[in-house]
N, C-alpha and C. Protein backbone atom coordinates (compact mmCIF):
# COMPACT_ATOMS: atom_id res chain seq x y z
N UNK A 1 -17.09 -7.26 -100.49
CA UNK A 1 -17.98 -7.02 -99.34
C UNK A 1 -17.16 -6.85 -98.06
N UNK A 2 -16.21 -7.73 -97.82
CA UNK A 2 -15.43 -7.65 -96.58
C UNK A 2 -14.54 -6.41 -96.55
N UNK A 3 -14.18 -5.91 -97.75
CA UNK A 3 -13.33 -4.71 -97.82
C UNK A 3 -14.14 -3.42 -97.75
N UNK A 4 -15.47 -3.55 -97.84
CA UNK A 4 -16.32 -2.37 -97.79
C UNK A 4 -16.38 -1.80 -96.38
N UNK A 5 -16.39 -0.47 -96.32
CA UNK A 5 -16.59 0.17 -95.03
C UNK A 5 -18.06 0.08 -94.65
N UNK A 6 -18.32 -0.05 -93.38
CA UNK A 6 -19.68 -0.16 -92.88
C UNK A 6 -20.45 1.14 -93.13
N UNK A 7 -21.65 1.03 -93.72
CA UNK A 7 -22.48 2.21 -93.97
C UNK A 7 -23.01 2.76 -92.65
N UNK A 8 -22.83 4.06 -92.45
CA UNK A 8 -23.29 4.70 -91.22
C UNK A 8 -24.37 5.75 -91.46
N UNK A 9 -24.44 6.28 -92.69
CA UNK A 9 -25.43 7.30 -93.00
C UNK A 9 -26.17 6.93 -94.27
N UNK A 10 -27.49 7.03 -94.21
CA UNK A 10 -28.34 6.75 -95.36
C UNK A 10 -29.06 8.03 -95.76
N UNK A 11 -28.71 8.55 -96.93
CA UNK A 11 -29.41 9.70 -97.50
C UNK A 11 -30.46 9.17 -98.48
N UNK A 12 -31.64 9.78 -98.49
CA UNK A 12 -32.68 9.33 -99.41
C UNK A 12 -33.52 10.50 -99.90
N UNK A 13 -34.08 10.33 -101.08
CA UNK A 13 -35.08 11.25 -101.60
C UNK A 13 -36.42 10.92 -100.93
N UNK A 14 -37.40 11.80 -101.08
CA UNK A 14 -38.75 11.49 -100.60
C UNK A 14 -39.63 11.03 -101.75
N UNK A 15 -39.91 11.94 -102.70
CA UNK A 15 -40.80 11.63 -103.81
C UNK A 15 -40.23 10.55 -104.72
N UNK A 16 -41.01 9.49 -104.92
CA UNK A 16 -40.57 8.39 -105.76
C UNK A 16 -39.86 7.30 -104.99
N UNK A 17 -39.53 7.56 -103.72
CA UNK A 17 -38.85 6.56 -102.88
C UNK A 17 -39.68 6.25 -101.64
N UNK A 18 -39.91 7.25 -100.79
CA UNK A 18 -40.69 7.05 -99.57
C UNK A 18 -42.18 7.34 -99.80
N UNK A 19 -42.44 8.32 -100.65
CA UNK A 19 -43.82 8.72 -100.97
C UNK A 19 -43.95 8.87 -102.47
N UNK A 20 -45.20 8.96 -102.94
CA UNK A 20 -45.41 9.31 -104.34
C UNK A 20 -44.86 10.72 -104.58
N UNK A 21 -44.68 11.06 -105.83
CA UNK A 21 -44.17 12.40 -106.15
C UNK A 21 -45.15 13.49 -105.73
N UNK A 22 -46.42 13.15 -105.66
CA UNK A 22 -47.39 14.14 -105.20
C UNK A 22 -47.85 15.05 -106.32
N UNK A 23 -47.12 16.13 -106.55
CA UNK A 23 -47.53 17.12 -107.54
C UNK A 23 -46.73 16.94 -108.83
N UNK A 24 -47.01 15.83 -109.52
CA UNK A 24 -46.29 15.54 -110.76
C UNK A 24 -47.19 15.80 -111.97
N UNK A 25 -46.70 15.45 -113.15
CA UNK A 25 -47.43 15.72 -114.39
C UNK A 25 -48.82 15.07 -114.38
N UNK A 26 -48.89 13.84 -113.86
CA UNK A 26 -50.19 13.15 -113.81
C UNK A 26 -51.17 13.89 -112.90
N UNK A 27 -50.69 14.34 -111.75
CA UNK A 27 -51.55 15.08 -110.81
C UNK A 27 -52.02 16.39 -111.43
N UNK A 28 -51.13 17.05 -112.15
CA UNK A 28 -51.51 18.31 -112.80
C UNK A 28 -52.54 18.06 -113.90
N UNK A 29 -52.39 16.93 -114.60
CA UNK A 29 -53.38 16.57 -115.61
C UNK A 29 -54.74 16.33 -115.00
N UNK A 30 -54.76 15.64 -113.86
CA UNK A 30 -56.02 15.39 -113.15
C UNK A 30 -56.63 16.70 -112.66
N UNK A 31 -55.78 17.61 -112.19
CA UNK A 31 -56.25 18.91 -111.72
C UNK A 31 -56.88 19.70 -112.87
N UNK A 32 -56.29 19.62 -114.05
CA UNK A 32 -56.81 20.34 -115.22
C UNK A 32 -58.23 19.89 -115.53
N UNK A 33 -58.47 18.58 -115.43
CA UNK A 33 -59.80 18.04 -115.71
C UNK A 33 -60.79 18.43 -114.61
N UNK A 34 -60.39 18.18 -113.35
CA UNK A 34 -61.29 18.43 -112.22
C UNK A 34 -61.67 19.90 -112.09
N UNK A 35 -60.70 20.79 -112.30
CA UNK A 35 -60.95 22.23 -112.11
C UNK A 35 -61.17 22.97 -113.42
N UNK A 36 -61.29 22.21 -114.52
CA UNK A 36 -61.57 22.78 -115.84
C UNK A 36 -60.55 23.86 -116.22
N UNK A 37 -59.28 23.46 -116.20
CA UNK A 37 -58.19 24.37 -116.54
C UNK A 37 -57.60 24.00 -117.90
N UNK A 38 -56.98 24.96 -118.54
CA UNK A 38 -56.26 24.72 -119.79
C UNK A 38 -54.97 23.98 -119.44
N UNK A 39 -54.89 22.71 -119.79
CA UNK A 39 -53.76 21.87 -119.35
C UNK A 39 -52.43 22.34 -119.96
N UNK A 40 -52.46 22.80 -121.19
CA UNK A 40 -51.23 23.28 -121.84
C UNK A 40 -50.71 24.53 -121.13
N UNK A 41 -51.62 25.45 -120.84
CA UNK A 41 -51.24 26.68 -120.14
C UNK A 41 -50.75 26.38 -118.73
N UNK A 42 -51.43 25.45 -118.04
CA UNK A 42 -51.03 25.07 -116.68
C UNK A 42 -49.61 24.51 -116.69
N UNK A 43 -49.32 23.62 -117.64
CA UNK A 43 -47.99 23.02 -117.71
C UNK A 43 -46.92 24.06 -118.00
N UNK A 44 -47.20 24.94 -118.92
CA UNK A 44 -46.21 25.97 -119.26
C UNK A 44 -45.93 26.87 -118.06
N UNK A 45 -47.00 27.32 -117.42
CA UNK A 45 -46.83 28.19 -116.25
C UNK A 45 -46.11 27.46 -115.13
N UNK A 46 -46.44 26.18 -114.94
CA UNK A 46 -45.77 25.37 -113.91
C UNK A 46 -44.27 25.31 -114.17
N UNK A 47 -43.89 24.96 -115.37
CA UNK A 47 -42.47 24.78 -115.67
C UNK A 47 -41.69 26.09 -115.59
N UNK A 48 -42.35 27.20 -115.85
CA UNK A 48 -41.68 28.49 -115.78
C UNK A 48 -41.45 28.95 -114.35
N UNK A 49 -42.26 28.46 -113.41
CA UNK A 49 -42.19 29.03 -112.05
C UNK A 49 -41.95 28.03 -110.93
N UNK A 50 -42.07 26.72 -111.21
CA UNK A 50 -42.00 25.74 -110.11
C UNK A 50 -40.63 25.70 -109.45
N UNK A 51 -39.57 25.84 -110.23
CA UNK A 51 -38.23 25.84 -109.63
C UNK A 51 -38.10 26.93 -108.57
N UNK A 52 -38.71 28.07 -108.85
CA UNK A 52 -38.65 29.20 -107.91
C UNK A 52 -39.36 28.86 -106.61
N UNK A 53 -40.48 28.12 -106.72
CA UNK A 53 -41.18 27.66 -105.53
C UNK A 53 -40.36 26.63 -104.77
N UNK A 54 -39.75 25.69 -105.50
CA UNK A 54 -39.00 24.61 -104.84
C UNK A 54 -37.76 25.11 -104.11
N UNK A 55 -37.18 26.21 -104.55
CA UNK A 55 -36.00 26.72 -103.83
C UNK A 55 -36.39 27.74 -102.76
N UNK A 56 -37.69 27.81 -102.44
CA UNK A 56 -38.12 28.60 -101.30
C UNK A 56 -38.26 30.08 -101.53
N UNK A 57 -38.38 30.49 -102.79
CA UNK A 57 -38.49 31.91 -103.09
C UNK A 57 -39.93 32.34 -103.35
N UNK A 58 -40.85 31.39 -103.31
CA UNK A 58 -42.28 31.67 -103.42
C UNK A 58 -43.01 30.84 -102.37
N UNK A 59 -44.11 31.38 -101.85
CA UNK A 59 -45.00 30.56 -101.03
C UNK A 59 -45.87 29.73 -101.96
N UNK A 60 -46.56 28.75 -101.40
CA UNK A 60 -47.45 27.93 -102.22
C UNK A 60 -48.55 28.79 -102.82
N UNK A 61 -49.08 29.73 -102.05
CA UNK A 61 -50.13 30.62 -102.58
C UNK A 61 -49.60 31.46 -103.73
N UNK A 62 -48.38 31.94 -103.63
CA UNK A 62 -47.79 32.75 -104.71
C UNK A 62 -47.58 31.90 -105.96
N UNK A 63 -47.14 30.66 -105.77
CA UNK A 63 -46.99 29.74 -106.90
C UNK A 63 -48.34 29.50 -107.57
N UNK A 64 -49.37 29.24 -106.76
CA UNK A 64 -50.69 28.98 -107.31
C UNK A 64 -51.29 30.22 -107.98
N UNK A 65 -50.94 31.39 -107.48
CA UNK A 65 -51.40 32.62 -108.12
C UNK A 65 -50.86 32.72 -109.55
N UNK A 66 -49.65 32.27 -109.73
CA UNK A 66 -49.02 32.34 -111.05
C UNK A 66 -49.55 31.29 -112.02
N UNK A 67 -49.89 30.10 -111.50
CA UNK A 67 -50.28 29.03 -112.43
C UNK A 67 -51.79 28.84 -112.56
N UNK A 68 -52.56 29.26 -111.55
CA UNK A 68 -54.00 29.02 -111.56
C UNK A 68 -54.81 30.29 -111.31
N UNK A 69 -54.46 31.02 -110.26
CA UNK A 69 -55.33 32.11 -109.79
C UNK A 69 -54.92 33.48 -110.33
N UNK A 70 -54.38 33.50 -111.54
CA UNK A 70 -54.08 34.77 -112.22
C UNK A 70 -55.36 35.37 -112.80
N UNK A 71 -56.44 34.60 -112.75
CA UNK A 71 -57.76 35.10 -113.12
C UNK A 71 -58.79 34.52 -112.16
N UNK A 72 -59.98 35.06 -112.15
CA UNK A 72 -61.00 34.64 -111.19
C UNK A 72 -61.41 33.18 -111.46
N UNK A 73 -61.52 32.42 -110.38
CA UNK A 73 -61.92 31.02 -110.48
C UNK A 73 -63.16 30.75 -109.64
N UNK A 74 -63.83 29.64 -109.96
CA UNK A 74 -65.04 29.27 -109.21
C UNK A 74 -64.72 28.46 -107.97
N UNK A 75 -63.43 28.21 -107.74
CA UNK A 75 -62.97 27.43 -106.59
C UNK A 75 -61.91 28.24 -105.85
N UNK A 76 -61.61 27.83 -104.64
CA UNK A 76 -60.69 28.60 -103.79
C UNK A 76 -59.28 28.01 -103.78
N UNK A 77 -58.36 28.79 -103.23
CA UNK A 77 -57.00 28.29 -103.02
C UNK A 77 -57.03 27.03 -102.16
N UNK A 78 -57.85 27.05 -101.12
CA UNK A 78 -57.92 25.89 -100.22
C UNK A 78 -58.43 24.65 -100.94
N UNK A 79 -59.41 24.83 -101.85
CA UNK A 79 -59.92 23.70 -102.63
C UNK A 79 -58.79 23.06 -103.44
N UNK A 80 -58.01 23.92 -104.07
CA UNK A 80 -56.94 23.43 -104.95
C UNK A 80 -55.82 22.79 -104.13
N UNK A 81 -55.47 23.41 -103.01
CA UNK A 81 -54.41 22.87 -102.17
C UNK A 81 -54.81 21.53 -101.57
N UNK A 82 -56.08 21.38 -101.21
CA UNK A 82 -56.54 20.10 -100.67
C UNK A 82 -56.35 19.00 -101.70
N UNK A 83 -56.65 19.31 -102.97
CA UNK A 83 -56.44 18.34 -104.04
C UNK A 83 -54.95 18.00 -104.16
N UNK A 84 -54.10 19.01 -104.14
CA UNK A 84 -52.65 18.79 -104.26
C UNK A 84 -52.14 17.88 -103.15
N UNK A 85 -52.53 18.19 -101.92
CA UNK A 85 -52.04 17.43 -100.77
C UNK A 85 -52.47 15.97 -100.84
N UNK A 86 -53.69 15.73 -101.33
CA UNK A 86 -54.21 14.36 -101.37
C UNK A 86 -53.50 13.49 -102.40
N UNK A 87 -52.69 14.10 -103.25
CA UNK A 87 -51.92 13.33 -104.23
C UNK A 87 -50.73 12.62 -103.58
N UNK A 88 -50.39 13.02 -102.37
CA UNK A 88 -49.27 12.39 -101.65
C UNK A 88 -49.72 11.11 -100.96
N UNK A 89 -49.07 10.00 -101.32
CA UNK A 89 -49.38 8.70 -100.72
C UNK A 89 -48.08 8.02 -100.32
N UNK A 90 -48.11 7.19 -99.28
CA UNK A 90 -46.87 6.55 -98.81
C UNK A 90 -46.54 5.27 -99.55
N UNK A 91 -45.26 4.99 -99.67
CA UNK A 91 -44.78 3.66 -100.05
C UNK A 91 -44.39 2.97 -98.75
N UNK A 92 -45.37 2.31 -98.15
CA UNK A 92 -45.20 1.77 -96.80
C UNK A 92 -44.08 0.74 -96.70
N UNK A 93 -43.88 -0.03 -97.78
CA UNK A 93 -42.81 -1.03 -97.74
C UNK A 93 -41.44 -0.37 -97.66
N UNK A 94 -41.25 0.72 -98.40
CA UNK A 94 -39.96 1.42 -98.36
C UNK A 94 -39.76 2.11 -97.02
N UNK A 95 -40.80 2.72 -96.48
CA UNK A 95 -40.70 3.37 -95.18
C UNK A 95 -40.32 2.35 -94.11
N UNK A 96 -40.99 1.19 -94.14
CA UNK A 96 -40.70 0.13 -93.16
C UNK A 96 -39.27 -0.37 -93.31
N UNK A 97 -38.79 -0.49 -94.55
CA UNK A 97 -37.43 -0.96 -94.80
C UNK A 97 -36.41 0.00 -94.20
N UNK A 98 -36.59 1.29 -94.46
CA UNK A 98 -35.65 2.29 -93.93
C UNK A 98 -35.69 2.29 -92.40
N UNK A 99 -36.89 2.20 -91.84
CA UNK A 99 -37.02 2.18 -90.37
C UNK A 99 -36.32 0.96 -89.77
N UNK A 100 -36.49 -0.19 -90.40
CA UNK A 100 -35.88 -1.42 -89.90
C UNK A 100 -34.35 -1.35 -89.98
N UNK A 101 -33.85 -0.82 -91.09
CA UNK A 101 -32.39 -0.71 -91.26
C UNK A 101 -31.80 0.29 -90.26
N UNK A 102 -32.51 1.39 -90.06
CA UNK A 102 -32.04 2.40 -89.10
C UNK A 102 -31.91 1.79 -87.71
N UNK A 103 -32.92 1.04 -87.31
CA UNK A 103 -32.92 0.43 -85.98
C UNK A 103 -31.85 -0.64 -85.85
N UNK A 104 -31.72 -1.48 -86.87
CA UNK A 104 -30.79 -2.61 -86.80
C UNK A 104 -29.33 -2.16 -86.82
N UNK A 105 -29.02 -1.15 -87.65
CA UNK A 105 -27.63 -0.74 -87.84
C UNK A 105 -27.30 0.62 -87.21
N UNK A 106 -28.28 1.18 -86.47
CA UNK A 106 -28.08 2.47 -85.82
C UNK A 106 -27.64 3.53 -86.84
N UNK A 107 -28.34 3.54 -87.97
CA UNK A 107 -27.99 4.46 -89.05
C UNK A 107 -28.45 5.88 -88.77
N UNK A 108 -27.70 6.83 -89.30
CA UNK A 108 -28.15 8.21 -89.40
C UNK A 108 -28.94 8.29 -90.71
N UNK A 109 -30.17 8.77 -90.68
CA UNK A 109 -31.01 8.84 -91.89
C UNK A 109 -31.33 10.30 -92.19
N UNK A 110 -31.08 10.69 -93.43
CA UNK A 110 -31.30 12.07 -93.83
C UNK A 110 -31.98 12.13 -95.19
N UNK A 111 -32.79 13.14 -95.38
CA UNK A 111 -33.49 13.35 -96.65
C UNK A 111 -32.82 14.48 -97.42
N UNK A 112 -32.65 14.25 -98.73
CA UNK A 112 -32.24 15.31 -99.65
C UNK A 112 -33.32 15.37 -100.73
N UNK A 113 -34.12 16.43 -100.74
CA UNK A 113 -35.27 16.45 -101.65
C UNK A 113 -35.53 17.81 -102.25
N UNK A 114 -36.09 17.79 -103.45
CA UNK A 114 -36.59 19.00 -104.09
C UNK A 114 -38.08 19.11 -103.77
N UNK A 115 -38.42 19.96 -102.81
CA UNK A 115 -39.83 20.13 -102.47
C UNK A 115 -40.07 21.54 -101.96
N UNK A 116 -41.21 22.11 -102.37
CA UNK A 116 -41.62 23.40 -101.82
C UNK A 116 -41.97 23.27 -100.36
N UNK A 117 -41.86 24.37 -99.64
CA UNK A 117 -41.97 24.31 -98.17
C UNK A 117 -43.29 23.73 -97.68
N UNK A 118 -44.41 24.24 -98.18
CA UNK A 118 -45.70 23.81 -97.64
C UNK A 118 -45.99 22.35 -97.97
N UNK A 119 -45.69 21.94 -99.20
CA UNK A 119 -45.87 20.54 -99.57
C UNK A 119 -44.96 19.64 -98.75
N UNK A 120 -43.71 20.07 -98.60
CA UNK A 120 -42.73 19.31 -97.82
C UNK A 120 -43.19 19.14 -96.38
N UNK A 121 -43.65 20.23 -95.76
CA UNK A 121 -44.07 20.18 -94.37
C UNK A 121 -45.30 19.30 -94.20
N UNK A 122 -46.22 19.39 -95.14
CA UNK A 122 -47.41 18.54 -95.10
C UNK A 122 -47.02 17.08 -95.15
N UNK A 123 -46.11 16.74 -96.05
CA UNK A 123 -45.71 15.36 -96.23
C UNK A 123 -44.94 14.83 -95.02
N UNK A 124 -44.06 15.65 -94.46
CA UNK A 124 -43.32 15.26 -93.26
C UNK A 124 -44.28 14.98 -92.11
N UNK A 125 -45.24 15.89 -91.90
CA UNK A 125 -46.17 15.77 -90.78
C UNK A 125 -47.17 14.63 -90.98
N UNK A 126 -47.75 14.55 -92.17
CA UNK A 126 -48.81 13.57 -92.43
C UNK A 126 -48.29 12.14 -92.34
N UNK A 127 -47.10 11.91 -92.87
CA UNK A 127 -46.56 10.56 -92.91
C UNK A 127 -45.49 10.32 -91.85
N UNK A 128 -45.40 11.26 -90.91
CA UNK A 128 -44.52 11.14 -89.73
C UNK A 128 -43.08 10.79 -90.11
N UNK A 129 -42.61 11.44 -91.15
CA UNK A 129 -41.26 11.14 -91.62
C UNK A 129 -40.21 11.52 -90.59
N UNK A 130 -40.52 12.52 -89.77
CA UNK A 130 -39.52 12.95 -88.76
C UNK A 130 -39.39 11.97 -87.60
N UNK A 131 -40.20 10.90 -87.62
CA UNK A 131 -40.04 9.87 -86.58
C UNK A 131 -38.85 8.96 -86.88
N UNK A 132 -38.40 8.94 -88.13
CA UNK A 132 -37.23 8.11 -88.45
C UNK A 132 -36.16 8.84 -89.26
N UNK A 133 -36.49 10.02 -89.75
CA UNK A 133 -35.49 10.83 -90.47
C UNK A 133 -34.87 11.81 -89.48
N UNK A 134 -33.54 11.83 -89.42
CA UNK A 134 -32.85 12.69 -88.45
C UNK A 134 -32.83 14.14 -88.86
N UNK A 135 -32.72 14.40 -90.15
CA UNK A 135 -32.83 15.79 -90.62
C UNK A 135 -33.18 15.83 -92.09
N UNK A 136 -33.71 16.99 -92.50
CA UNK A 136 -34.22 17.19 -93.86
C UNK A 136 -33.44 18.31 -94.53
N UNK A 137 -32.79 17.98 -95.63
CA UNK A 137 -32.16 19.00 -96.46
C UNK A 137 -33.05 19.14 -97.69
N UNK A 138 -34.06 19.99 -97.55
CA UNK A 138 -35.04 20.21 -98.61
C UNK A 138 -34.66 21.47 -99.38
N UNK A 139 -34.94 21.46 -100.67
CA UNK A 139 -34.55 22.58 -101.52
C UNK A 139 -35.12 23.91 -101.02
N UNK A 140 -36.34 23.87 -100.49
CA UNK A 140 -36.97 25.10 -100.01
C UNK A 140 -36.35 25.60 -98.71
N UNK A 141 -35.62 24.75 -98.00
CA UNK A 141 -34.94 25.15 -96.77
C UNK A 141 -33.57 25.74 -97.05
N UNK A 142 -32.86 25.14 -98.01
CA UNK A 142 -31.46 25.53 -98.23
C UNK A 142 -31.24 26.36 -99.49
N UNK A 143 -32.30 26.51 -100.31
CA UNK A 143 -32.26 27.36 -101.52
C UNK A 143 -31.34 26.84 -102.62
N UNK A 144 -31.11 25.54 -102.61
CA UNK A 144 -30.49 24.84 -103.74
C UNK A 144 -31.43 23.69 -104.10
N UNK A 145 -31.39 23.27 -105.34
CA UNK A 145 -32.20 22.10 -105.71
C UNK A 145 -31.36 21.16 -106.57
N UNK A 146 -31.63 19.87 -106.41
CA UNK A 146 -30.96 18.89 -107.27
C UNK A 146 -31.30 19.19 -108.72
N UNK A 147 -30.35 19.07 -109.65
CA UNK A 147 -29.05 18.41 -109.54
C UNK A 147 -27.87 19.29 -109.10
N UNK A 148 -28.13 20.47 -108.54
CA UNK A 148 -27.03 21.30 -108.03
C UNK A 148 -26.28 20.50 -106.95
N UNK A 149 -25.00 20.31 -107.16
CA UNK A 149 -24.20 19.52 -106.22
C UNK A 149 -24.16 20.15 -104.83
N UNK A 150 -24.42 21.45 -104.75
CA UNK A 150 -24.34 22.13 -103.45
C UNK A 150 -25.33 21.59 -102.44
N UNK A 151 -26.50 21.12 -102.89
CA UNK A 151 -27.47 20.59 -101.92
C UNK A 151 -26.94 19.31 -101.28
N UNK A 152 -26.19 18.52 -102.04
CA UNK A 152 -25.56 17.32 -101.49
C UNK A 152 -24.42 17.70 -100.53
N UNK A 153 -23.66 18.72 -100.91
CA UNK A 153 -22.55 19.16 -100.06
C UNK A 153 -23.07 19.68 -98.72
N UNK A 154 -24.18 20.42 -98.75
CA UNK A 154 -24.79 20.91 -97.51
C UNK A 154 -25.22 19.74 -96.64
N UNK A 155 -25.83 18.72 -97.25
CA UNK A 155 -26.28 17.55 -96.49
C UNK A 155 -25.11 16.80 -95.86
N UNK A 156 -24.05 16.66 -96.62
CA UNK A 156 -22.85 15.99 -96.10
C UNK A 156 -22.26 16.78 -94.93
N UNK A 157 -22.18 18.11 -95.08
CA UNK A 157 -21.63 18.95 -94.02
C UNK A 157 -22.49 18.91 -92.76
N UNK A 158 -23.79 19.02 -92.93
CA UNK A 158 -24.70 19.03 -91.78
C UNK A 158 -24.66 17.69 -91.04
N UNK A 159 -24.61 16.62 -91.80
CA UNK A 159 -24.62 15.29 -91.18
C UNK A 159 -23.29 14.94 -90.53
N UNK A 160 -22.23 15.66 -90.95
CA UNK A 160 -20.87 15.34 -90.48
C UNK A 160 -20.57 13.87 -90.72
N UNK A 161 -20.98 13.41 -91.92
CA UNK A 161 -20.78 12.01 -92.29
C UNK A 161 -19.62 11.87 -93.26
N UNK A 162 -18.96 10.74 -93.19
CA UNK A 162 -17.91 10.39 -94.13
C UNK A 162 -18.57 9.90 -95.41
N UNK A 163 -18.25 10.51 -96.55
CA UNK A 163 -18.89 10.10 -97.80
C UNK A 163 -18.63 8.63 -98.11
N UNK A 164 -17.51 8.11 -97.65
CA UNK A 164 -17.17 6.72 -97.93
C UNK A 164 -18.06 5.73 -97.18
N UNK A 165 -18.73 6.21 -96.14
CA UNK A 165 -19.63 5.34 -95.39
C UNK A 165 -21.08 5.83 -95.50
N UNK A 166 -21.35 6.58 -96.58
CA UNK A 166 -22.68 7.12 -96.80
C UNK A 166 -23.27 6.61 -98.11
N UNK A 167 -24.58 6.45 -98.11
CA UNK A 167 -25.29 5.87 -99.24
C UNK A 167 -26.46 6.79 -99.60
N UNK A 168 -26.72 6.97 -100.89
CA UNK A 168 -27.81 7.84 -101.32
C UNK A 168 -28.77 7.07 -102.23
N UNK A 169 -30.08 7.18 -101.95
CA UNK A 169 -31.12 6.51 -102.73
C UNK A 169 -31.99 7.55 -103.42
N UNK A 170 -32.19 7.40 -104.73
CA UNK A 170 -33.04 8.32 -105.48
C UNK A 170 -33.63 7.57 -106.66
N UNK A 171 -34.84 7.95 -107.07
CA UNK A 171 -35.46 7.30 -108.23
C UNK A 171 -35.02 7.93 -109.54
N UNK A 172 -34.23 9.00 -109.49
CA UNK A 172 -33.73 9.63 -110.71
C UNK A 172 -32.23 9.37 -110.83
N UNK A 173 -31.88 8.71 -111.90
CA UNK A 173 -30.48 8.31 -112.10
C UNK A 173 -29.53 9.50 -112.11
N UNK A 174 -29.93 10.61 -112.72
CA UNK A 174 -29.06 11.78 -112.78
C UNK A 174 -28.65 12.22 -111.38
N UNK A 175 -29.59 12.24 -110.45
CA UNK A 175 -29.29 12.71 -109.10
C UNK A 175 -28.38 11.71 -108.38
N UNK A 176 -28.57 10.43 -108.65
CA UNK A 176 -27.68 9.41 -108.09
C UNK A 176 -26.26 9.64 -108.61
N UNK A 177 -26.14 9.94 -109.88
CA UNK A 177 -24.82 10.15 -110.48
C UNK A 177 -24.12 11.40 -109.92
N UNK A 178 -24.89 12.44 -109.67
CA UNK A 178 -24.31 13.65 -109.05
C UNK A 178 -23.78 13.31 -107.66
N UNK A 179 -24.57 12.56 -106.89
CA UNK A 179 -24.14 12.15 -105.55
C UNK A 179 -22.88 11.30 -105.61
N UNK A 180 -22.84 10.38 -106.56
CA UNK A 180 -21.67 9.52 -106.71
C UNK A 180 -20.44 10.33 -107.09
N UNK A 181 -20.65 11.40 -107.85
CA UNK A 181 -19.55 12.27 -108.23
C UNK A 181 -18.90 12.97 -107.04
N UNK A 182 -19.64 13.03 -105.93
CA UNK A 182 -19.12 13.64 -104.69
C UNK A 182 -18.55 12.59 -103.74
N UNK A 183 -18.56 11.33 -104.17
CA UNK A 183 -17.98 10.27 -103.35
C UNK A 183 -18.99 9.41 -102.61
N UNK A 184 -20.27 9.77 -102.68
CA UNK A 184 -21.31 8.95 -102.04
C UNK A 184 -21.54 7.68 -102.85
N UNK A 185 -21.92 6.61 -102.18
CA UNK A 185 -22.38 5.43 -102.87
C UNK A 185 -23.84 5.67 -103.25
N UNK A 186 -24.26 5.14 -104.41
CA UNK A 186 -25.60 5.44 -104.88
C UNK A 186 -26.42 4.22 -105.23
N UNK A 187 -27.73 4.34 -105.00
CA UNK A 187 -28.69 3.33 -105.43
C UNK A 187 -29.77 4.02 -106.25
N UNK A 188 -29.93 3.57 -107.48
CA UNK A 188 -31.04 4.06 -108.31
C UNK A 188 -32.27 3.23 -107.99
N UNK A 189 -33.23 3.86 -107.33
CA UNK A 189 -34.42 3.14 -106.87
C UNK A 189 -35.42 2.96 -108.02
N UNK A 190 -35.76 1.71 -108.30
CA UNK A 190 -36.81 1.43 -109.29
C UNK A 190 -37.96 0.64 -108.66
N UNK A 191 -37.62 -0.34 -107.82
CA UNK A 191 -38.64 -1.12 -107.11
C UNK A 191 -38.14 -1.40 -105.69
N UNK A 192 -39.07 -1.73 -104.84
CA UNK A 192 -38.74 -2.09 -103.46
C UNK A 192 -37.77 -3.27 -103.42
N UNK A 193 -38.08 -4.32 -104.17
CA UNK A 193 -37.26 -5.53 -104.13
C UNK A 193 -35.85 -5.27 -104.63
N UNK A 194 -35.72 -4.51 -105.71
CA UNK A 194 -34.40 -4.22 -106.26
C UNK A 194 -33.57 -3.39 -105.28
N UNK A 195 -34.20 -2.38 -104.68
CA UNK A 195 -33.48 -1.53 -103.73
C UNK A 195 -33.09 -2.33 -102.49
N UNK A 196 -33.97 -3.22 -102.03
CA UNK A 196 -33.66 -4.07 -100.89
C UNK A 196 -32.43 -4.94 -101.19
N UNK A 197 -32.36 -5.47 -102.41
CA UNK A 197 -31.22 -6.29 -102.83
C UNK A 197 -29.94 -5.46 -102.90
N UNK A 198 -30.05 -4.25 -103.45
CA UNK A 198 -28.88 -3.37 -103.55
C UNK A 198 -28.38 -2.97 -102.16
N UNK A 199 -29.30 -2.69 -101.25
CA UNK A 199 -28.91 -2.33 -99.89
C UNK A 199 -28.16 -3.49 -99.23
N UNK A 200 -28.63 -4.71 -99.47
CA UNK A 200 -27.98 -5.89 -98.91
C UNK A 200 -26.55 -6.02 -99.43
N UNK A 201 -26.34 -5.61 -100.69
CA UNK A 201 -24.99 -5.69 -101.25
C UNK A 201 -24.02 -4.72 -100.57
N UNK A 202 -24.58 -3.72 -99.90
CA UNK A 202 -23.76 -2.77 -99.12
C UNK A 202 -23.72 -3.14 -97.64
N UNK A 203 -24.23 -4.33 -97.32
CA UNK A 203 -24.20 -4.81 -95.95
C UNK A 203 -25.37 -4.42 -95.10
N UNK A 204 -26.43 -3.89 -95.74
CA UNK A 204 -27.62 -3.46 -95.00
C UNK A 204 -28.77 -4.42 -95.30
N UNK A 205 -28.90 -5.43 -94.47
CA UNK A 205 -29.94 -6.44 -94.65
C UNK A 205 -30.89 -6.45 -93.45
N UNK A 206 -32.17 -6.59 -93.74
CA UNK A 206 -33.14 -6.67 -92.64
C UNK A 206 -33.29 -8.13 -92.22
């Protein structure tokens, strides 16, 4: 602990850490029931095209045209998007923890996330993430998505942070391991209490 360098930059994911994933398999399953869609077809179409949406090469409407509105429906794009957006919920304890640590240690806080532009912007605005996050390196902004190491390299370059004094939090172990491969310290987020304990081990205690 005494030999550790003081953490100055905290990188974090959004979905699964600060907020729910939003548009995940469970949400798509619920959408299939509510809107009377073929769930198998929806999943296949989603997996074939979602990466393209997340790296900013499709608008949300274009993505939905491919997975839902390729044929006439009894509901509108706005109906479906309202359902999608409502799937996003905050993890208030994690948000409060990051805010408290930022204030106490004067941390630089940055997001590295795989999110399509419209969903990302909705989540940033609705949950006021930009009130404590200094900048967002979202896949739809930079046209790379995790686990591509380039999205982490862009975040490191933009932040002008030393990797030895930077920490990355993600609920997916693979992404944590990619970050660690670039020299960042990593925390695999599973629960609030566990992450709080791990942060304390790096000298970040509330």
